[in-house]
Amino acid sequence: MKPRNRLPPRPGAKLQPRQVPLAIGWYSEAEWRQVKAAATDAERFEQTFQAWETMAERALNDLRAQGLWPTRFNIIANDLLAWCLVRNKENDAAARALFVSEQVAISSKQQQAAREPPLAPQP
């Protein structure tokens, strides 16, 4: 079956931007301590959990001020460390960011699939 041609949007029509999940990795104090203790870049962490929390809240507010609405993704240290081990990655800032990104994408796809109606059986 030949795909149907789509009409271009009418002039002046507002196109809806594609929603991209935006998340910030978030820790409880215990998880933050465990991730920091195992990190290869522990010097990049704030000195205390309270200092980290203040910085993270500021970053969250800065993003919201730009019209973005990030969510907090709670990082479980054992999940992150297992993910790093399986992928042969060091526990560093780049790996932590990739972990959050992948986990949020997986969660988003699962939520989307749950909202889609089941396919009708083919005759």
N, C-alpha and C. Protein backbone atom coordinates (compact mmCIF):
# COMPACT_ATOMS: atom_id res chain seq x y z
N MET A 1 0.84 -1.17 0.00
CA MET A 1 0.00 0.00 0.00
C MET A 1 0.89 1.23 0.00
N LYS A 2 0.57 2.16 -0.88
CA LYS A 2 1.37 3.36 -1.04
C LYS A 2 1.05 4.34 0.10
N PRO A 3 2.10 4.93 0.75
CA PRO A 3 1.81 5.89 1.81
C PRO A 3 1.12 7.12 1.26
N ARG A 4 0.20 7.65 2.03
CA ARG A 4 -0.53 8.84 1.61
C ARG A 4 0.34 10.06 1.82
N ASN A 5 0.21 11.00 0.89
CA ASN A 5 0.93 12.26 1.02
C ASN A 5 0.27 13.09 2.10
N ARG A 6 1.08 13.74 2.88
CA ARG A 6 0.55 14.61 3.92
C ARG A 6 0.54 16.03 3.40
N LEU A 7 -0.50 16.74 3.72
CA LEU A 7 -0.58 18.13 3.33
C LEU A 7 0.32 18.97 4.22
N PRO A 8 0.92 20.01 3.66
CA PRO A 8 1.74 20.89 4.52
C PRO A 8 0.81 21.64 5.47
N PRO A 9 1.34 22.09 6.59
CA PRO A 9 0.49 22.83 7.52
C PRO A 9 -0.01 24.11 6.87
N ARG A 10 -1.21 24.50 7.25
CA ARG A 10 -1.75 25.73 6.67
C ARG A 10 -0.94 26.92 7.17
N PRO A 11 -0.85 27.97 6.37
CA PRO A 11 -0.07 29.14 6.78
C PRO A 11 -0.59 29.70 8.11
N GLY A 12 0.32 30.01 8.98
CA GLY A 12 -0.02 30.58 10.28
C GLY A 12 -0.36 29.54 11.33
N ALA A 13 -0.42 28.26 10.94
CA ALA A 13 -0.72 27.22 11.93
C ALA A 13 0.46 27.04 12.86
N LYS A 14 0.16 26.90 14.12
CA LYS A 14 1.22 26.69 15.11
C LYS A 14 1.55 25.20 15.18
N LEU A 15 2.81 24.90 14.98
CA LEU A 15 3.25 23.52 15.10
C LEU A 15 3.59 23.25 16.57
N GLN A 16 3.16 22.12 17.04
CA GLN A 16 3.46 21.75 18.42
C GLN A 16 4.85 21.14 18.47
N PRO A 17 5.73 21.69 19.32
CA PRO A 17 7.05 21.07 19.43
C PRO A 17 6.93 19.69 20.05
N ARG A 18 7.78 18.81 19.63
CA ARG A 18 7.79 17.46 20.19
C ARG A 18 8.29 17.54 21.62
N GLN A 19 7.55 16.95 22.52
CA GLN A 19 7.93 16.96 23.93
C GLN A 19 9.08 15.99 24.16
N VAL A 20 10.15 16.50 24.69
CA VAL A 20 11.31 15.69 25.02
C VAL A 20 11.42 15.64 26.53
N PRO A 21 11.45 14.45 27.11
CA PRO A 21 11.55 14.38 28.56
C PRO A 21 12.85 15.03 29.04
N LEU A 22 12.75 15.84 30.05
CA LEU A 22 13.91 16.49 30.63
C LEU A 22 13.93 16.15 32.11
N ALA A 23 15.01 15.60 32.56
CA ALA A 23 15.10 15.18 33.95
C ALA A 23 16.45 15.55 34.55
N ILE A 24 16.42 15.74 35.84
CA ILE A 24 17.64 15.99 36.59
C ILE A 24 17.82 14.81 37.55
N GLY A 25 19.03 14.27 37.56
CA GLY A 25 19.32 13.20 38.51
C GLY A 25 19.21 13.73 39.93
N TRP A 26 18.49 13.00 40.76
CA TRP A 26 18.24 13.44 42.14
C TRP A 26 18.63 12.33 43.09
N TYR A 27 19.12 12.73 44.25
CA TYR A 27 19.58 11.76 45.25
C TYR A 27 18.92 12.01 46.60
N SER A 28 18.75 10.94 47.34
CA SER A 28 18.54 11.07 48.78
C SER A 28 19.95 11.25 49.36
N GLU A 29 20.05 11.62 50.60
CA GLU A 29 21.38 11.82 51.17
C GLU A 29 22.19 10.52 51.17
N ALA A 30 21.55 9.41 51.52
CA ALA A 30 22.27 8.12 51.57
C ALA A 30 22.74 7.71 50.17
N GLU A 31 21.90 7.90 49.15
CA GLU A 31 22.28 7.53 47.78
C GLU A 31 23.40 8.44 47.29
N TRP A 32 23.32 9.73 47.60
CA TRP A 32 24.36 10.68 47.20
C TRP A 32 25.71 10.26 47.78
N ARG A 33 25.71 9.90 49.05
CA ARG A 33 26.97 9.46 49.70
C ARG A 33 27.54 8.22 49.02
N GLN A 34 26.68 7.27 48.71
CA GLN A 34 27.14 6.02 48.09
C GLN A 34 27.67 6.26 46.69
N VAL A 35 26.98 7.08 45.90
CA VAL A 35 27.43 7.37 44.53
C VAL A 35 28.74 8.14 44.58
N LYS A 36 28.83 9.11 45.47
CA LYS A 36 30.06 9.90 45.59
C LYS A 36 31.24 9.01 46.01
N ALA A 37 31.00 8.11 46.95
CA ALA A 37 32.08 7.24 47.43
C ALA A 37 32.62 6.34 46.32
N ALA A 38 31.77 5.97 45.36
CA ALA A 38 32.18 5.09 44.28
C ALA A 38 32.60 5.83 43.01
N ALA A 39 32.46 7.15 43.00
CA ALA A 39 32.72 7.94 41.79
C ALA A 39 34.20 8.07 41.51
N THR A 40 34.53 8.04 40.22
CA THR A 40 35.92 8.27 39.82
C THR A 40 36.23 9.76 39.77
N ASP A 41 35.20 10.58 39.85
CA ASP A 41 35.37 12.03 39.84
C ASP A 41 34.76 12.67 41.09
N ALA A 42 34.99 12.04 42.23
CA ALA A 42 34.39 12.50 43.49
C ALA A 42 34.73 13.96 43.78
N GLU A 43 35.85 14.45 43.26
CA GLU A 43 36.24 15.84 43.49
C GLU A 43 35.27 16.82 42.84
N ARG A 44 34.47 16.35 41.88
CA ARG A 44 33.50 17.22 41.21
C ARG A 44 32.22 17.39 42.04
N PHE A 45 32.03 16.52 43.02
CA PHE A 45 30.86 16.62 43.88
C PHE A 45 31.03 17.76 44.86
N GLU A 46 29.91 18.34 45.29
CA GLU A 46 29.96 19.35 46.35
C GLU A 46 30.47 18.68 47.62
N GLN A 47 30.94 19.49 48.54
CA GLN A 47 31.52 18.96 49.78
C GLN A 47 30.50 18.24 50.65
N THR A 48 29.26 18.72 50.64
CA THR A 48 28.22 18.12 51.49
C THR A 48 26.97 17.88 50.66
N PHE A 49 26.12 17.00 51.18
CA PHE A 49 24.85 16.76 50.53
C PHE A 49 24.01 18.03 50.50
N GLN A 50 24.04 18.78 51.59
CA GLN A 50 23.26 20.02 51.67
C GLN A 50 23.71 21.01 50.59
N ALA A 51 25.02 21.11 50.35
CA ALA A 51 25.53 21.99 49.31
C ALA A 51 25.08 21.49 47.93
N TRP A 52 25.10 20.17 47.73
CA TRP A 52 24.63 19.61 46.47
C TRP A 52 23.15 19.92 46.28
N GLU A 53 22.35 19.71 47.33
CA GLU A 53 20.91 19.92 47.24
C GLU A 53 20.58 21.38 46.90
N THR A 54 21.31 22.31 47.50
CA THR A 54 21.12 23.73 47.21
C THR A 54 21.44 24.02 45.74
N MET A 55 22.56 23.47 45.25
CA MET A 55 22.95 23.66 43.85
C MET A 55 21.92 23.05 42.91
N ALA A 56 21.44 21.85 43.22
CA ALA A 56 20.48 21.16 42.36
C ALA A 56 19.14 21.89 42.33
N GLU A 57 18.70 22.39 43.46
CA GLU A 57 17.45 23.17 43.51
C GLU A 57 17.58 24.44 42.66
N ARG A 58 18.74 25.09 42.73
CA ARG A 58 18.99 26.29 41.94
C ARG A 58 18.94 25.95 40.45
N ALA A 59 19.55 24.85 40.06
CA ALA A 59 19.55 24.44 38.65
C ALA A 59 18.13 24.14 38.19
N LEU A 60 17.36 23.49 39.02
CA LEU A 60 15.96 23.18 38.71
C LEU A 60 15.17 24.47 38.50
N ASN A 61 15.35 25.43 39.40
CA ASN A 61 14.65 26.71 39.29
C ASN A 61 15.10 27.51 38.07
N ASP A 62 16.39 27.44 37.73
CA ASP A 62 16.90 28.13 36.54
C ASP A 62 16.24 27.57 35.27
N LEU A 63 16.11 26.26 35.19
CA LEU A 63 15.48 25.64 34.03
C LEU A 63 14.01 26.04 33.95
N ARG A 64 13.34 26.07 35.08
CA ARG A 64 11.92 26.46 35.10
C ARG A 64 11.76 27.92 34.68
N ALA A 65 12.72 28.76 35.06
CA ALA A 65 12.67 30.17 34.67
C ALA A 65 12.81 30.33 33.16
N GLN A 66 13.39 29.34 32.50
CA GLN A 66 13.55 29.35 31.05
C GLN A 66 12.35 28.73 30.34
N GLY A 67 11.33 28.38 31.12
CA GLY A 67 10.12 27.81 30.53
C GLY A 67 10.16 26.30 30.38
N LEU A 68 11.15 25.65 30.95
CA LEU A 68 11.27 24.20 30.89
C LEU A 68 10.73 23.62 32.19
N TRP A 69 10.27 22.38 32.14
CA TRP A 69 9.73 21.75 33.34
C TRP A 69 10.37 20.38 33.55
N PRO A 70 11.61 20.41 34.03
CA PRO A 70 12.28 19.13 34.28
C PRO A 70 11.66 18.39 35.45
N THR A 71 11.82 17.10 35.41
CA THR A 71 11.39 16.28 36.53
C THR A 71 12.63 15.80 37.27
N ARG A 72 12.42 15.39 38.49
CA ARG A 72 13.51 14.80 39.27
C ARG A 72 13.50 13.29 39.02
N PHE A 73 14.67 12.76 38.68
CA PHE A 73 14.79 11.32 38.54
C PHE A 73 15.61 10.82 39.71
N ASN A 74 14.98 10.06 40.58
CA ASN A 74 15.65 9.56 41.78
C ASN A 74 16.64 8.46 41.41
N ILE A 75 17.91 8.74 41.67
CA ILE A 75 18.97 7.79 41.37
C ILE A 75 19.15 6.85 42.56
N ILE A 76 19.10 5.57 42.26
CA ILE A 76 19.38 4.53 43.26
C ILE A 76 20.81 4.09 42.98
N ALA A 77 21.67 4.26 43.97
CA ALA A 77 23.10 4.01 43.78
C ALA A 77 23.38 2.62 43.23
N ASN A 78 22.77 1.60 43.79
CA ASN A 78 23.04 0.24 43.32
C ASN A 78 22.63 0.04 41.87
N ASP A 79 21.53 0.68 41.44
CA ASP A 79 21.10 0.58 40.05
C ASP A 79 22.11 1.26 39.13
N LEU A 80 22.55 2.45 39.52
CA LEU A 80 23.56 3.17 38.74
C LEU A 80 24.85 2.38 38.64
N LEU A 81 25.33 1.87 39.76
CA LEU A 81 26.60 1.15 39.77
C LEU A 81 26.52 -0.15 38.97
N ALA A 82 25.38 -0.84 39.03
CA ALA A 82 25.20 -2.05 38.22
C ALA A 82 25.17 -1.68 36.74
N TRP A 83 24.48 -0.59 36.39
CA TRP A 83 24.42 -0.12 35.02
C TRP A 83 25.83 0.18 34.50
N CYS A 84 26.64 0.86 35.31
CA CYS A 84 28.03 1.17 34.92
C CYS A 84 28.82 -0.12 34.69
N LEU A 85 28.65 -1.08 35.57
CA LEU A 85 29.39 -2.34 35.48
C LEU A 85 29.03 -3.09 34.18
N VAL A 86 27.75 -3.19 33.88
CA VAL A 86 27.29 -3.90 32.69
C VAL A 86 27.80 -3.22 31.42
N ARG A 87 27.88 -1.90 31.43
CA ARG A 87 28.29 -1.16 30.23
C ARG A 87 29.78 -0.81 30.23
N ASN A 88 30.50 -1.33 31.22
CA ASN A 88 31.93 -1.09 31.34
C ASN A 88 32.25 0.40 31.34
N LYS A 89 31.49 1.14 32.15
CA LYS A 89 31.69 2.59 32.27
C LYS A 89 32.11 2.93 33.68
N GLU A 90 32.91 3.98 33.79
CA GLU A 90 33.27 4.49 35.11
C GLU A 90 32.09 5.27 35.66
N ASN A 91 32.00 5.34 36.97
CA ASN A 91 30.97 6.16 37.61
C ASN A 91 31.49 7.60 37.60
N ASP A 92 31.25 8.28 36.47
CA ASP A 92 31.65 9.69 36.37
C ASP A 92 30.45 10.50 35.89
N ALA A 93 30.63 11.81 35.77
CA ALA A 93 29.52 12.70 35.43
C ALA A 93 28.86 12.29 34.12
N ALA A 94 29.65 11.94 33.11
CA ALA A 94 29.09 11.57 31.81
C ALA A 94 28.23 10.31 31.93
N ALA A 95 28.72 9.33 32.65
CA ALA A 95 27.96 8.08 32.81
C ALA A 95 26.69 8.32 33.62
N ARG A 96 26.78 9.13 34.66
CA ARG A 96 25.58 9.42 35.46
C ARG A 96 24.52 10.12 34.63
N ALA A 97 24.94 11.06 33.78
CA ALA A 97 24.00 11.78 32.92
C ALA A 97 23.37 10.82 31.91
N LEU A 98 24.18 9.93 31.32
CA LEU A 98 23.67 8.97 30.36
C LEU A 98 22.71 8.00 31.03
N PHE A 99 23.04 7.56 32.24
CA PHE A 99 22.16 6.67 33.00
C PHE A 99 20.78 7.31 33.19
N VAL A 100 20.76 8.55 33.64
CA VAL A 100 19.48 9.25 33.86
C VAL A 100 18.73 9.37 32.54
N SER A 101 19.43 9.78 31.49
CA SER A 101 18.81 9.94 30.18
C SER A 101 18.18 8.64 29.69
N GLU A 102 18.91 7.54 29.78
CA GLU A 102 18.39 6.25 29.34
C GLU A 102 17.20 5.80 30.18
N GLN A 103 17.30 5.96 31.49
CA GLN A 103 16.22 5.52 32.37
C GLN A 103 14.95 6.33 32.14
N VAL A 104 15.09 7.63 31.93
CA VAL A 104 13.93 8.49 31.66
C VAL A 104 13.30 8.11 30.32
N ALA A 105 14.12 7.84 29.31
CA ALA A 105 13.60 7.43 28.00
C ALA A 105 12.84 6.12 28.10
N ILE A 106 13.37 5.17 28.84
CA ILE A 106 12.70 3.88 29.03
C ILE A 106 11.36 4.09 29.73
N SER A 107 11.37 4.88 30.78
CA SER A 107 10.15 5.16 31.53
C SER A 107 9.12 5.87 30.65
N SER A 108 9.57 6.82 29.85
CA SER A 108 8.67 7.56 28.96
C SER A 108 8.04 6.64 27.94
N LYS A 109 8.81 5.73 27.36
CA LYS A 109 8.28 4.78 26.37
C LYS A 109 7.26 3.85 27.02
N GLN A 110 7.54 3.41 28.24
CA GLN A 110 6.61 2.53 28.94
C GLN A 110 5.29 3.25 29.23
N GLN A 111 5.38 4.52 29.63
CA GLN A 111 4.17 5.29 29.90
C GLN A 111 3.37 5.51 28.62
N GLN A 112 4.07 5.79 27.53
CA GLN A 112 3.40 6.01 26.26
C GLN A 112 2.70 4.73 25.80
N ALA A 113 3.37 3.60 25.92
CA ALA A 113 2.79 2.32 25.52
C ALA A 113 1.55 2.00 26.35
N ALA A 114 1.57 2.37 27.61
CA ALA A 114 0.42 2.10 28.48
C ALA A 114 -0.78 2.95 28.09
N ARG A 115 -0.54 4.12 27.47
CA ARG A 115 -1.64 5.01 27.07
C ARG A 115 -2.23 4.65 25.72
N GLU A 116 -1.48 3.92 24.89
CA GLU A 116 -1.94 3.59 23.54
C GLU A 116 -2.96 2.46 23.61
N PRO A 117 -4.05 2.59 22.82
CA PRO A 117 -5.03 1.51 22.81
C PRO A 117 -4.45 0.27 22.13
N PRO A 118 -4.90 -0.89 22.53
CA PRO A 118 -4.40 -2.13 21.89
C PRO A 118 -4.83 -2.18 20.43
N LEU A 119 -4.02 -2.83 19.62
CA LEU A 119 -4.34 -2.97 18.20
C LEU A 119 -5.51 -3.94 18.05
N ALA A 120 -6.37 -3.61 17.09
CA ALA A 120 -7.49 -4.50 16.80
C ALA A 120 -6.97 -5.72 16.07
N PRO A 121 -7.54 -6.87 16.34
CA PRO A 121 -7.11 -8.08 15.61
C PRO A 121 -7.39 -7.95 14.13
N GLN A 122 -6.50 -8.46 13.32
CA GLN A 122 -6.65 -8.43 11.86
C GLN A 122 -7.53 -9.60 11.43
N PRO A 123 -8.48 -9.34 10.49
CA PRO A 123 -9.35 -10.44 10.02
C PRO A 123 -8.59 -11.43 9.19
